[in-house]
């Protein structure tokens, strides 16, 4: 029963998010066409990209919640799941993090894309490691 509830909640959330962003992109495109904007479709494309990333994060959050509620847990896999999800969440705050690092650490962080790619690369590595680590099966020996 818990499995169906979790899947239902996240399917509703993902579907709602996708519909909202597609409607927003259509409205943006119609506005740009009606006002003879020189970059017709750019706003709609940006909305679709952001919406795609939000849906991707929701899918990752679903995987993490599904793991914690329904899968056998180990400390290592739990830590990797939490850190990979937090790393993906940090991508939303790349601007603020890059500004802080630029001010107090190094000028190399003046370009936000460096931090963005680093965070996404760390996310991929953590997620691959969490998938590759097998769950130990403890068998009772009689």
C-alpha atoms as a PDB file:
ATOM      1  CA  UNK A   1       0.000   0.000   0.000  1.00  0.00           C
ATOM      2  CA  UNK A   2       2.825   2.391   0.882  1.00  0.00           C
ATOM      3  CA  UNK A   3       4.434   1.681  -2.472  1.00  0.00           C
ATOM      4  CA  UNK A   4       1.303   2.704  -4.372  1.00  0.00           C
ATOM      5  CA  UNK A   5       0.880   5.873  -2.317  1.00  0.00           C
ATOM      6  CA  UNK A   6       4.481   6.994  -2.884  1.00  0.00           C
ATOM      7  CA  UNK A   7       4.304   6.264  -6.606  1.00  0.00           C
ATOM      8  CA  UNK A   8       0.924   8.017  -6.896  1.00  0.00           C
ATOM      9  CA  UNK A   9       2.102  11.135  -5.090  1.00  0.00           C
ATOM     10  CA  UNK A  10       5.228  11.472  -7.194  1.00  0.00           C
ATOM     11  CA  UNK A  11       3.448  10.710 -10.478  1.00  0.00           C
ATOM     12  CA  UNK A  12       0.935  13.448  -9.663  1.00  0.00           C
ATOM     13  CA  UNK A  13       3.717  15.870  -8.715  1.00  0.00           C
ATOM     14  CA  UNK A  14       5.763  15.161 -11.848  1.00  0.00           C
ATOM     15  CA  UNK A  15       2.762  15.317 -14.168  1.00  0.00           C
ATOM     16  CA  UNK A  16       1.574  18.587 -12.622  1.00  0.00           C
ATOM     17  CA  UNK A  17       5.037  20.118 -12.903  1.00  0.00           C
ATOM     18  CA  UNK A  18       5.392  19.048 -16.533  1.00  0.00           C
ATOM     19  CA  UNK A  19       1.973  20.437 -17.466  1.00  0.00           C
ATOM     20  CA  UNK A  20       2.655  23.762 -15.710  1.00  0.00           C
ATOM     21  CA  UNK A  21       5.976  24.250 -17.496  1.00  0.00           C
ATOM     22  CA  UNK A  22       4.589  23.256 -20.909  1.00  0.00           C
ATOM     23  CA  UNK A  23       1.663  25.661 -20.504  1.00  0.00           C
ATOM     24  CA  UNK A  24       4.100  28.360 -19.399  1.00  0.00           C
ATOM     25  CA  UNK A  25       6.278  27.731 -22.456  1.00  0.00           C
ATOM     26  CA  UNK A  26       3.257  27.907 -24.782  1.00  0.00           C
ATOM     27  CA  UNK A  27       2.105  31.167 -23.187  1.00  0.00           C
ATOM     28  CA  UNK A  28       5.617  32.599 -23.460  1.00  0.00           C
ATOM     29  CA  UNK A  29       5.854  31.633 -27.114  1.00  0.00           C
ATOM     30  CA  UNK A  30       2.433  33.119 -27.901  1.00  0.00           C
ATOM     31  CA  UNK A  31       3.400  36.352 -26.132  1.00  0.00           C
ATOM     32  CA  UNK A  32       6.670  36.577 -28.082  1.00  0.00           C
ATOM     33  CA  UNK A  33       4.913  35.969 -31.400  1.00  0.00           C
ATOM     34  CA  UNK A  34       2.183  38.524 -30.660  1.00  0.00           C
ATOM     35  CA  UNK A  35       4.696  41.231 -29.750  1.00  0.00           C
ATOM     36  CA  UNK A  36       7.064  40.609 -32.690  1.00  0.00           C
ATOM     37  CA  UNK A  37       9.960  39.679 -30.442  1.00  0.00           C
ATOM     38  CA  UNK A  38      13.229  39.223 -32.292  1.00  0.00           C
ATOM     39  CA  UNK A  39      14.102  36.085 -30.323  1.00  0.00           C
ATOM     40  CA  UNK A  40      10.862  34.194 -30.767  1.00  0.00           C
ATOM     41  CA  UNK A  41      10.922  30.914 -28.887  1.00  0.00           C
ATOM     42  CA  UNK A  42      13.953  31.625 -26.711  1.00  0.00           C
ATOM     43  CA  UNK A  43      11.857  32.263 -23.600  1.00  0.00           C
ATOM     44  CA  UNK A  44       9.816  29.138 -24.265  1.00  0.00           C
ATOM     45  CA  UNK A  45      12.985  27.085 -24.708  1.00  0.00           C
ATOM     46  CA  UNK A  46      14.388  28.385 -21.442  1.00  0.00           C
ATOM     47  CA  UNK A  47      11.160  27.534 -19.626  1.00  0.00           C
ATOM     48  CA  UNK A  48      11.240  24.008 -21.061  1.00  0.00           C
ATOM     49  CA  UNK A  49      14.882  23.556 -19.989  1.00  0.00           C
ATOM     50  CA  UNK A  50      14.161  24.714 -16.428  1.00  0.00           C
ATOM     51  CA  UNK A  51      11.029  22.558 -16.323  1.00  0.00           C
ATOM     52  CA  UNK A  52      12.987  19.558 -17.545  1.00  0.00           C
ATOM     53  CA  UNK A  53      15.533  20.059 -14.806  1.00  0.00           C
ATOM     54  CA  UNK A  54      12.801  20.390 -12.163  1.00  0.00           C
ATOM     55  CA  UNK A  55      11.188  17.164 -13.381  1.00  0.00           C
ATOM     56  CA  UNK A  56      14.620  15.485 -13.335  1.00  0.00           C
ATOM     57  CA  UNK A  57      15.111  16.600  -9.715  1.00  0.00           C
ATOM     58  CA  UNK A  58      11.651  15.310  -8.798  1.00  0.00           C
ATOM     59  CA  UNK A  59      12.537  11.936 -10.336  1.00  0.00           C
ATOM     60  CA  UNK A  60      15.736  11.836  -8.301  1.00  0.00           C
ATOM     61  CA  UNK A  61      13.816  12.796  -5.174  1.00  0.00           C
ATOM     62  CA  UNK A  62      11.367   9.980  -5.938  1.00  0.00           C
ATOM     63  CA  UNK A  63      14.254   7.522  -6.190  1.00  0.00           C
ATOM     64  CA  UNK A  64      15.625   8.716  -2.837  1.00  0.00           C
ATOM     65  CA  UNK A  65      12.248   8.568  -1.074  1.00  0.00           C
ATOM     66  CA  UNK A  66      11.499   5.174  -2.633  1.00  0.00           C
ATOM     67  CA  UNK A  67      14.860   3.900  -1.377  1.00  0.00           C
ATOM     68  CA  UNK A  68      14.284   5.109   2.173  1.00  0.00           C
ATOM     69  CA  UNK A  69      10.750   3.762   2.435  1.00  0.00           C
ATOM     70  CA  UNK A  70      10.849   0.507   0.496  1.00  0.00           C
ATOM     71  CA  UNK A  71      14.357  -0.775  -0.200  1.00  0.00           C
ATOM     72  CA  UNK A  72      16.767  -2.558   2.114  1.00  0.00           C
ATOM     73  CA  UNK A  73      19.121   0.060   3.520  1.00  0.00           C
ATOM     74  CA  UNK A  74      22.800   0.196   4.298  1.00  0.00           C
ATOM     75  CA  UNK A  75      24.596   3.135   5.858  1.00  0.00           C
ATOM     76  CA  UNK A  76      26.799   3.627   2.809  1.00  0.00           C
ATOM     77  CA  UNK A  77      23.947   3.631   0.310  1.00  0.00           C
ATOM     78  CA  UNK A  78      21.884   5.918   2.539  1.00  0.00           C
ATOM     79  CA  UNK A  79      24.699   8.457   2.810  1.00  0.00           C
ATOM     80  CA  UNK A  80      25.349   8.319  -0.938  1.00  0.00           C
ATOM     81  CA  UNK A  81      21.633   8.775  -1.708  1.00  0.00           C
ATOM     82  CA  UNK A  82      21.333  11.794   0.574  1.00  0.00           C
ATOM     83  CA  UNK A  83      24.539  13.433  -0.668  1.00  0.00           C
ATOM     84  CA  UNK A  84      23.704  12.876  -4.335  1.00  0.00           C
ATOM     85  CA  UNK A  85      20.259  14.393  -3.829  1.00  0.00           C
ATOM     86  CA  UNK A  86      21.702  17.372  -1.947  1.00  0.00           C
ATOM     87  CA  UNK A  87      24.303  17.864  -4.664  1.00  0.00           C
ATOM     88  CA  UNK A  88      21.589  17.972  -7.308  1.00  0.00           C
ATOM     89  CA  UNK A  89      19.609  20.386  -5.131  1.00  0.00           C
ATOM     90  CA  UNK A  90      22.697  22.617  -4.844  1.00  0.00           C
ATOM     91  CA  UNK A  91      22.561  23.099  -8.625  1.00  0.00           C
ATOM     92  CA  UNK A  92      19.498  25.310  -8.060  1.00  0.00           C
ATOM     93  CA  UNK A  93      21.636  27.594  -5.893  1.00  0.00           C
ATOM     94  CA  UNK A  94      24.703  27.678  -8.145  1.00  0.00           C
ATOM     95  CA  UNK A  95      24.574  31.462  -8.493  1.00  0.00           C
ATOM     96  CA  UNK A  96      24.659  32.120  -4.752  1.00  0.00           C
ATOM     97  CA  UNK A  97      27.275  29.456  -4.081  1.00  0.00           C
ATOM     98  CA  UNK A  98      29.488  30.688  -6.932  1.00  0.00           C
ATOM     99  CA  UNK A  99      29.211  34.272  -5.694  1.00  0.00           C
ATOM    100  CA  UNK A 100      30.195  33.236  -2.164  1.00  0.00           C
ATOM    101  CA  UNK A 101      33.137  31.160  -3.450  1.00  0.00           C
ATOM    102  CA  UNK A 102      34.213  34.011  -5.739  1.00  0.00           C
ATOM    103  CA  UNK A 103      34.220  36.456  -2.829  1.00  0.00           C
ATOM    104  CA  UNK A 104      35.948  34.301  -0.234  1.00  0.00           C
ATOM    105  CA  UNK A 105      37.830  31.476  -1.968  1.00  0.00           C
ATOM    106  CA  UNK A 106      39.040  32.132  -5.503  1.00  0.00           C
ATOM    107  CA  UNK A 107      38.283  34.211  -8.561  1.00  0.00           C
ATOM    108  CA  UNK A 108      37.964  31.054 -10.647  1.00  0.00           C
ATOM    109  CA  UNK A 109      34.392  30.730  -9.364  1.00  0.00           C
ATOM    110  CA  UNK A 110      33.425  33.978 -11.106  1.00  0.00           C
ATOM    111  CA  UNK A 111      32.202  31.789 -13.935  1.00  0.00           C
ATOM    112  CA  UNK A 112      29.157  29.936 -12.586  1.00  0.00           C
ATOM    113  CA  UNK A 113      29.296  27.235 -15.236  1.00  0.00           C
ATOM    114  CA  UNK A 114      32.441  25.782 -13.644  1.00  0.00           C
ATOM    115  CA  UNK A 115      30.585  25.162 -10.403  1.00  0.00           C
ATOM    116  CA  UNK A 116      27.498  23.949 -12.254  1.00  0.00           C
ATOM    117  CA  UNK A 117      29.417  21.300 -14.174  1.00  0.00           C
ATOM    118  CA  UNK A 118      31.391  20.319 -11.055  1.00  0.00           C
ATOM    119  CA  UNK A 119      28.217  19.807  -9.020  1.00  0.00           C
ATOM    120  CA  UNK A 120      26.555  17.832 -11.793  1.00  0.00           C
ATOM    121  CA  UNK A 121      29.689  15.698 -12.238  1.00  0.00           C
ATOM    122  CA  UNK A 122      29.794  15.011  -8.478  1.00  0.00           C
ATOM    123  CA  UNK A 123      26.092  14.094  -8.598  1.00  0.00           C
ATOM    124  CA  UNK A 124      26.678  11.594 -11.420  1.00  0.00           C
ATOM    125  CA  UNK A 125      29.650  10.019  -9.627  1.00  0.00           C
ATOM    126  CA  UNK A 126      27.727   9.692  -6.345  1.00  0.00           C
ATOM    127  CA  UNK A 127      24.682   8.230  -8.089  1.00  0.00           C
ATOM    128  CA  UNK A 128      26.788   5.696 -10.030  1.00  0.00           C
ATOM    129  CA  UNK A 129      28.569   4.623  -6.854  1.00  0.00           C
ATOM    130  CA  UNK A 130      25.273   4.250  -4.998  1.00  0.00           C
ATOM    131  CA  UNK A 131      23.888   2.068  -7.786  1.00  0.00           C
ATOM    132  CA  UNK A 132      27.019  -0.072  -8.117  1.00  0.00           C
ATOM    133  CA  UNK A 133      27.363  -0.859  -4.408  1.00  0.00           C
ATOM    134  CA  UNK A 134      25.479  -4.085  -3.832  1.00  0.00           C
ATOM    135  CA  UNK A 135      23.104  -4.548  -0.947  1.00  0.00           C
ATOM    136  CA  UNK A 136      24.446  -7.242   1.306  1.00  0.00           C
ATOM    137  CA  UNK A 137      22.144 -10.167   1.683  1.00  0.00           C
ATOM    138  CA  UNK A 138      22.344 -11.608   5.143  1.00  0.00           C
ATOM    139  CA  UNK A 139      21.339 -15.220   5.104  1.00  0.00           C
ATOM    140  CA  UNK A 140      20.524 -17.202   8.194  1.00  0.00           C
ATOM    141  CA  UNK A 141      22.548 -20.316   8.416  1.00  0.00           C
ATOM    142  CA  UNK A 142      20.896 -23.180  10.209  1.00  0.00           C
END
